[in-house]
Amino acid sequence: MEPLIIVDGANVVGSVPDGWWRDRAGAAARLRDALAARDESALPGEIVLVVEGAARGIGPVAGVGVEAAPQSGDDHIVALVRDNVWRRPVIVVTADRGLRQRVEGQGASIISPGRLRASIPYGGATDHT
């Protein structure tokens, strides 16, 4: 069964110190595009990128859904896990310890941002100006 892979956008973007804080929406869009360009044999499943704050304006692309958290990104991710874990495997990409505990308690698996970045063409911004 195809897993649902929920990506904690703020946490993954924040794991690359490339000046993302100057353009949060642009950084989230670069991550979304890298997820769309992934080798699906290395990272199979339905991808949902959860964004919050200034990144809420980015839309989905083919192969990557985008969910704008109305409040806390962590709470939105927990709700997505709760709504899906009973019918298919759910994997959450985050390094946030508190979020990890919350979603593991509901039956989700975890992938670190570093492991995700190793499987997609994402290293952060290509232009640091």
N, C-alpha and C. Protein backbone atom coordinates (compact mmCIF):
# COMPACT_ATOMS: atom_id res chain seq x y z
N MET A 1 0.84 -1.18 0.00
CA MET A 1 0.00 0.00 0.00
C MET A 1 0.90 1.25 0.00
N GLU A 2 0.52 2.21 -0.82
CA GLU A 2 1.31 3.44 -0.96
C GLU A 2 1.21 4.28 0.31
N PRO A 3 2.35 4.67 0.87
CA PRO A 3 2.29 5.49 2.09
C PRO A 3 1.96 6.95 1.79
N LEU A 4 1.48 7.63 2.80
CA LEU A 4 1.34 9.07 2.77
C LEU A 4 2.58 9.64 3.44
N ILE A 5 3.29 10.50 2.74
CA ILE A 5 4.49 11.14 3.29
C ILE A 5 4.16 12.60 3.55
N ILE A 6 4.14 12.96 4.82
CA ILE A 6 3.82 14.33 5.23
C ILE A 6 5.13 15.03 5.57
N VAL A 7 5.40 16.11 4.86
CA VAL A 7 6.65 16.84 5.04
C VAL A 7 6.39 18.11 5.84
N ASP A 8 7.08 18.23 6.97
CA ASP A 8 7.03 19.41 7.82
C ASP A 8 7.88 20.48 7.13
N GLY A 9 7.23 21.27 6.27
CA GLY A 9 7.96 22.22 5.42
C GLY A 9 8.87 23.15 6.18
N ALA A 10 8.39 23.76 7.24
CA ALA A 10 9.21 24.71 8.00
C ALA A 10 10.44 24.03 8.59
N ASN A 11 10.28 22.81 9.05
CA ASN A 11 11.39 22.10 9.67
C ASN A 11 12.44 21.69 8.64
N VAL A 12 11.99 21.22 7.48
CA VAL A 12 12.95 20.81 6.44
C VAL A 12 13.64 22.02 5.85
N VAL A 13 12.90 23.07 5.53
CA VAL A 13 13.50 24.30 5.00
C VAL A 13 14.49 24.86 6.01
N GLY A 14 14.12 24.86 7.28
CA GLY A 14 14.98 25.40 8.33
C GLY A 14 16.23 24.59 8.59
N SER A 15 16.30 23.38 8.04
CA SER A 15 17.49 22.54 8.25
C SER A 15 18.63 22.88 7.31
N VAL A 16 18.40 23.82 6.38
CA VAL A 16 19.43 24.25 5.44
C VAL A 16 19.65 25.74 5.66
N PRO A 17 20.76 26.14 6.28
CA PRO A 17 20.99 27.55 6.60
C PRO A 17 21.44 28.35 5.37
N ASP A 18 20.48 28.63 4.48
CA ASP A 18 20.80 29.28 3.21
C ASP A 18 20.16 30.66 3.07
N GLY A 19 19.65 31.22 4.15
CA GLY A 19 18.97 32.50 4.08
C GLY A 19 17.48 32.37 3.82
N TRP A 20 16.93 31.19 4.04
CA TRP A 20 15.51 30.93 3.80
C TRP A 20 14.60 31.93 4.49
N TRP A 21 15.04 32.48 5.60
CA TRP A 21 14.22 33.40 6.40
C TRP A 21 13.93 34.70 5.66
N ARG A 22 14.73 35.00 4.62
CA ARG A 22 14.48 36.21 3.84
C ARG A 22 13.34 36.01 2.83
N ASP A 23 13.05 34.76 2.48
CA ASP A 23 11.99 34.46 1.51
C ASP A 23 11.41 33.08 1.84
N ARG A 24 10.57 33.05 2.84
CA ARG A 24 10.01 31.78 3.31
C ARG A 24 9.16 31.09 2.24
N ALA A 25 8.37 31.85 1.52
CA ALA A 25 7.54 31.25 0.47
C ALA A 25 8.42 30.70 -0.66
N GLY A 26 9.46 31.43 -1.03
CA GLY A 26 10.37 30.95 -2.07
C GLY A 26 11.10 29.68 -1.64
N ALA A 27 11.51 29.62 -0.38
CA ALA A 27 12.18 28.43 0.12
C ALA A 27 11.23 27.23 0.12
N ALA A 28 9.98 27.44 0.52
CA ALA A 28 9.01 26.36 0.53
C ALA A 28 8.71 25.91 -0.91
N ALA A 29 8.65 26.84 -1.84
CA ALA A 29 8.40 26.49 -3.24
C ALA A 29 9.57 25.67 -3.80
N ARG A 30 10.80 26.02 -3.44
CA ARG A 30 11.96 25.24 -3.90
C ARG A 30 11.90 23.81 -3.34
N LEU A 31 11.51 23.68 -2.08
CA LEU A 31 11.36 22.35 -1.50
C LEU A 31 10.26 21.58 -2.22
N ARG A 32 9.12 22.22 -2.43
CA ARG A 32 8.01 21.57 -3.15
C ARG A 32 8.46 21.07 -4.53
N ASP A 33 9.19 21.92 -5.25
CA ASP A 33 9.65 21.55 -6.59
C ASP A 33 10.66 20.41 -6.55
N ALA A 34 11.51 20.40 -5.53
CA ALA A 34 12.47 19.30 -5.39
C ALA A 34 11.74 18.00 -5.07
N LEU A 35 10.70 18.08 -4.25
CA LEU A 35 9.90 16.89 -3.96
C LEU A 35 9.23 16.36 -5.22
N ALA A 36 8.75 17.26 -6.07
CA ALA A 36 8.11 16.86 -7.32
C ALA A 36 9.10 16.21 -8.28
N ALA A 37 10.37 16.61 -8.21
CA ALA A 37 11.41 16.08 -9.10
C ALA A 37 12.08 14.83 -8.56
N ARG A 38 11.58 14.32 -7.45
CA ARG A 38 12.22 13.17 -6.80
C ARG A 38 12.19 11.93 -7.69
N ASP A 39 13.10 11.04 -7.39
CA ASP A 39 13.09 9.71 -7.98
C ASP A 39 12.06 8.92 -7.19
N GLU A 40 10.94 8.62 -7.80
CA GLU A 40 9.85 7.97 -7.07
C GLU A 40 10.21 6.57 -6.58
N SER A 41 11.21 5.95 -7.19
CA SER A 41 11.62 4.63 -6.68
C SER A 41 12.38 4.78 -5.36
N ALA A 42 13.02 5.93 -5.14
CA ALA A 42 13.73 6.18 -3.89
C ALA A 42 12.81 6.71 -2.80
N LEU A 43 11.73 7.37 -3.21
CA LEU A 43 10.80 7.96 -2.26
C LEU A 43 9.37 7.76 -2.78
N PRO A 44 8.89 6.52 -2.70
CA PRO A 44 7.54 6.24 -3.23
C PRO A 44 6.46 6.66 -2.24
N GLY A 45 5.35 7.12 -2.78
CA GLY A 45 4.22 7.47 -1.94
C GLY A 45 3.61 8.79 -2.35
N GLU A 46 2.48 9.09 -1.72
CA GLU A 46 1.83 10.38 -1.93
C GLU A 46 2.49 11.39 -1.00
N ILE A 47 2.90 12.51 -1.56
CA ILE A 47 3.60 13.55 -0.79
C ILE A 47 2.65 14.71 -0.49
N VAL A 48 2.62 15.12 0.77
CA VAL A 48 1.90 16.32 1.18
C VAL A 48 2.89 17.20 1.95
N LEU A 49 3.10 18.39 1.44
CA LEU A 49 3.97 19.38 2.08
C LEU A 49 3.09 20.30 2.92
N VAL A 50 3.36 20.37 4.22
CA VAL A 50 2.60 21.24 5.12
C VAL A 50 3.39 22.53 5.31
N VAL A 51 2.74 23.64 4.97
CA VAL A 51 3.37 24.96 5.09
C VAL A 51 2.57 25.81 6.09
N GLU A 52 3.24 26.81 6.61
CA GLU A 52 2.61 27.70 7.58
C GLU A 52 3.20 29.09 7.45
N GLY A 53 2.59 30.05 8.10
CA GLY A 53 3.11 31.41 8.10
C GLY A 53 3.22 32.00 6.71
N ALA A 54 4.34 32.65 6.44
CA ALA A 54 4.55 33.35 5.16
C ALA A 54 4.58 32.40 3.96
N ALA A 55 4.75 31.12 4.19
CA ALA A 55 4.79 30.15 3.09
C ALA A 55 3.40 29.66 2.70
N ARG A 56 2.35 30.10 3.38
CA ARG A 56 1.00 29.61 3.12
C ARG A 56 0.52 29.84 1.69
N GLY A 57 1.11 30.77 0.98
CA GLY A 57 0.61 31.11 -0.36
C GLY A 57 1.03 30.19 -1.49
N ILE A 58 1.89 29.23 -1.23
CA ILE A 58 2.33 28.39 -2.35
C ILE A 58 1.30 27.31 -2.64
N GLY A 59 1.18 26.97 -3.90
CA GLY A 59 0.20 25.97 -4.31
C GLY A 59 0.83 24.63 -4.60
N PRO A 60 0.01 23.64 -4.88
CA PRO A 60 0.50 22.30 -5.21
C PRO A 60 1.05 22.26 -6.63
N VAL A 61 1.82 21.23 -6.92
CA VAL A 61 2.29 20.93 -8.28
C VAL A 61 2.05 19.44 -8.50
N ALA A 62 2.19 19.01 -9.73
CA ALA A 62 2.00 17.58 -10.02
C ALA A 62 2.91 16.75 -9.14
N GLY A 63 2.33 15.83 -8.41
CA GLY A 63 3.10 14.92 -7.56
C GLY A 63 3.31 15.37 -6.13
N VAL A 64 2.94 16.62 -5.82
CA VAL A 64 3.10 17.13 -4.45
C VAL A 64 1.89 17.98 -4.07
N GLY A 65 1.15 17.50 -3.08
CA GLY A 65 0.07 18.31 -2.53
C GLY A 65 0.64 19.29 -1.53
N VAL A 66 -0.01 20.41 -1.37
CA VAL A 66 0.42 21.41 -0.39
C VAL A 66 -0.78 21.71 0.50
N GLU A 67 -0.56 21.64 1.80
CA GLU A 67 -1.59 21.96 2.79
C GLU A 67 -1.11 23.15 3.61
N ALA A 68 -1.87 24.22 3.59
CA ALA A 68 -1.56 25.40 4.39
C ALA A 68 -2.19 25.22 5.77
N ALA A 69 -1.36 25.16 6.78
CA ALA A 69 -1.87 25.02 8.15
C ALA A 69 -2.58 26.30 8.56
N PRO A 70 -3.83 26.21 9.01
CA PRO A 70 -4.55 27.41 9.40
C PRO A 70 -3.96 28.06 10.65
N GLN A 71 -3.34 27.28 11.51
CA GLN A 71 -2.70 27.79 12.72
C GLN A 71 -1.33 27.14 12.82
N SER A 72 -1.16 26.24 13.75
CA SER A 72 0.11 25.56 13.98
C SER A 72 0.34 24.47 12.93
N GLY A 73 1.51 24.50 12.31
CA GLY A 73 1.87 23.46 11.37
C GLY A 73 1.92 22.10 12.04
N ASP A 74 2.45 22.04 13.27
CA ASP A 74 2.52 20.78 14.00
C ASP A 74 1.13 20.20 14.24
N ASP A 75 0.20 21.04 14.67
CA ASP A 75 -1.15 20.55 14.92
C ASP A 75 -1.79 20.03 13.64
N HIS A 76 -1.54 20.70 12.53
CA HIS A 76 -2.10 20.27 11.25
C HIS A 76 -1.52 18.92 10.84
N ILE A 77 -0.22 18.75 11.05
CA ILE A 77 0.42 17.47 10.72
C ILE A 77 -0.16 16.36 11.58
N VAL A 78 -0.35 16.61 12.87
CA VAL A 78 -0.94 15.61 13.77
C VAL A 78 -2.34 15.23 13.28
N ALA A 79 -3.13 16.20 12.86
CA ALA A 79 -4.47 15.92 12.36
C ALA A 79 -4.42 15.09 11.08
N LEU A 80 -3.49 15.39 10.18
CA LEU A 80 -3.34 14.59 8.97
C LEU A 80 -2.97 13.15 9.29
N VAL A 81 -2.08 12.98 10.25
CA VAL A 81 -1.70 11.62 10.67
C VAL A 81 -2.93 10.90 11.21
N ARG A 82 -3.62 11.53 12.12
CA ARG A 82 -4.80 10.92 12.74
C ARG A 82 -5.85 10.52 11.69
N ASP A 83 -6.03 11.36 10.67
CA ASP A 83 -7.04 11.09 9.65
C ASP A 83 -6.63 10.01 8.65
N ASN A 84 -5.35 9.67 8.59
CA ASN A 84 -4.87 8.74 7.56
C ASN A 84 -4.23 7.46 8.07
N VAL A 85 -3.70 7.44 9.27
CA VAL A 85 -2.90 6.31 9.73
C VAL A 85 -3.71 5.01 9.84
N TRP A 86 -4.98 5.10 10.01
CA TRP A 86 -5.81 3.90 10.15
C TRP A 86 -6.00 3.18 8.82
N ARG A 87 -5.75 3.87 7.68
CA ARG A 87 -6.00 3.22 6.39
C ARG A 87 -4.77 2.98 5.53
N ARG A 88 -3.63 3.56 5.90
CA ARG A 88 -2.39 3.34 5.15
C ARG A 88 -1.21 3.81 5.98
N PRO A 89 0.00 3.36 5.60
CA PRO A 89 1.18 3.82 6.34
C PRO A 89 1.35 5.34 6.18
N VAL A 90 1.76 5.98 7.25
CA VAL A 90 2.03 7.42 7.22
C VAL A 90 3.45 7.65 7.70
N ILE A 91 4.19 8.45 6.93
CA ILE A 91 5.56 8.82 7.27
C ILE A 91 5.60 10.33 7.40
N VAL A 92 6.19 10.81 8.47
CA VAL A 92 6.33 12.25 8.69
C VAL A 92 7.81 12.61 8.61
N VAL A 93 8.11 13.64 7.83
CA VAL A 93 9.48 14.12 7.71
C VAL A 93 9.64 15.33 8.62
N THR A 94 10.39 15.16 9.72
CA THR A 94 10.62 16.24 10.67
C THR A 94 11.77 15.85 11.59
N ALA A 95 12.39 16.86 12.17
CA ALA A 95 13.38 16.64 13.22
C ALA A 95 12.87 17.19 14.55
N ASP A 96 11.68 17.75 14.55
CA ASP A 96 11.09 18.34 15.73
C ASP A 96 10.74 17.24 16.74
N ARG A 97 11.42 17.22 17.87
CA ARG A 97 11.23 16.14 18.86
C ARG A 97 9.80 16.04 19.37
N GLY A 98 9.21 17.16 19.67
CA GLY A 98 7.84 17.14 20.18
C GLY A 98 6.86 16.60 19.15
N LEU A 99 7.01 17.04 17.92
CA LEU A 99 6.14 16.55 16.85
C LEU A 99 6.38 15.07 16.60
N ARG A 100 7.63 14.68 16.61
CA ARG A 100 7.94 13.25 16.43
C ARG A 100 7.20 12.40 17.45
N GLN A 101 7.26 12.80 18.70
CA GLN A 101 6.58 12.04 19.76
C GLN A 101 5.07 11.99 19.53
N ARG A 102 4.50 13.11 19.14
CA ARG A 102 3.06 13.17 18.92
C ARG A 102 2.61 12.24 17.80
N VAL A 103 3.33 12.24 16.68
CA VAL A 103 2.89 11.44 15.53
C VAL A 103 3.27 9.97 15.67
N GLU A 104 4.41 9.70 16.31
CA GLU A 104 4.77 8.29 16.56
C GLU A 104 3.74 7.65 17.49
N GLY A 105 3.23 8.43 18.43
CA GLY A 105 2.20 7.93 19.34
C GLY A 105 0.91 7.56 18.63
N GLN A 106 0.73 8.11 17.44
CA GLN A 106 -0.46 7.78 16.64
C GLN A 106 -0.17 6.71 15.60
N GLY A 107 1.08 6.25 15.53
CA GLY A 107 1.40 5.16 14.60
C GLY A 107 2.16 5.55 13.36
N ALA A 108 2.57 6.81 13.24
CA ALA A 108 3.34 7.24 12.07
C ALA A 108 4.81 6.88 12.24
N SER A 109 5.50 6.74 11.12
CA SER A 109 6.95 6.56 11.10
C SER A 109 7.59 7.93 10.84
N ILE A 110 8.89 8.01 11.07
CA ILE A 110 9.62 9.27 10.93
C ILE A 110 10.77 9.10 9.95
N ILE A 111 10.98 10.13 9.13
CA ILE A 111 12.20 10.28 8.32
C ILE A 111 12.80 11.63 8.69
N SER A 112 14.10 11.70 8.83
CA SER A 112 14.75 12.96 9.16
C SER A 112 14.84 13.85 7.92
N PRO A 113 14.93 15.18 8.12
CA PRO A 113 15.12 16.07 6.99
C PRO A 113 16.38 15.72 6.18
N GLY A 114 17.45 15.33 6.86
CA GLY A 114 18.68 14.96 6.14
C GLY A 114 18.48 13.77 5.24
N ARG A 115 17.76 12.79 5.73
CA ARG A 115 17.49 11.61 4.89
C ARG A 115 16.62 11.98 3.69
N LEU A 116 15.65 12.84 3.91
CA LEU A 116 14.82 13.32 2.80
C LEU A 116 15.67 14.06 1.78
N ARG A 117 16.49 15.01 2.26
CA ARG A 117 17.31 15.81 1.34
C ARG A 117 18.26 14.94 0.53
N ALA A 118 18.71 13.82 1.10
CA ALA A 118 19.60 12.92 0.38
C ALA A 118 18.88 12.23 -0.78
N SER A 119 17.55 12.19 -0.75
CA SER A 119 16.80 11.49 -1.79
C SER A 119 16.13 12.42 -2.79
N ILE A 120 16.32 13.74 -2.64
CA ILE A 120 15.73 14.70 -3.57
C ILE A 120 16.79 15.74 -3.95
N PRO A 121 16.58 16.43 -5.06
CA PRO A 121 17.54 17.46 -5.48
C PRO A 121 17.31 18.78 -4.75
N TYR A 122 17.50 18.76 -3.41
CA TYR A 122 17.26 19.97 -2.62
C TYR A 122 18.42 20.22 -1.68
N GLY A 123 19.02 21.37 -1.87
CA GLY A 123 20.08 21.79 -0.96
C GLY A 123 19.85 23.19 -0.46
N GLY A 124 18.64 23.68 -0.69
CA GLY A 124 18.33 25.04 -0.30
C GLY A 124 18.41 25.98 -1.48
N ALA A 125 18.65 27.23 -1.23
CA ALA A 125 18.68 28.24 -2.29
C ALA A 125 19.88 28.04 -3.20
N THR A 126 19.65 28.32 -4.48
CA THR A 126 20.77 28.29 -5.42
C THR A 126 21.34 29.68 -5.61
N ASP A 127 20.60 30.69 -5.24
CA ASP A 127 21.05 32.07 -5.36
C ASP A 127 20.97 32.73 -3.98
N HIS A 128 22.10 33.05 -3.41
CA HIS A 128 22.14 33.59 -2.04
C HIS A 128 22.19 35.10 -2.00
N THR A 129 21.71 35.76 -3.05
CA THR A 129 21.76 37.22 -3.08
C THR A 129 20.65 37.84 -2.31
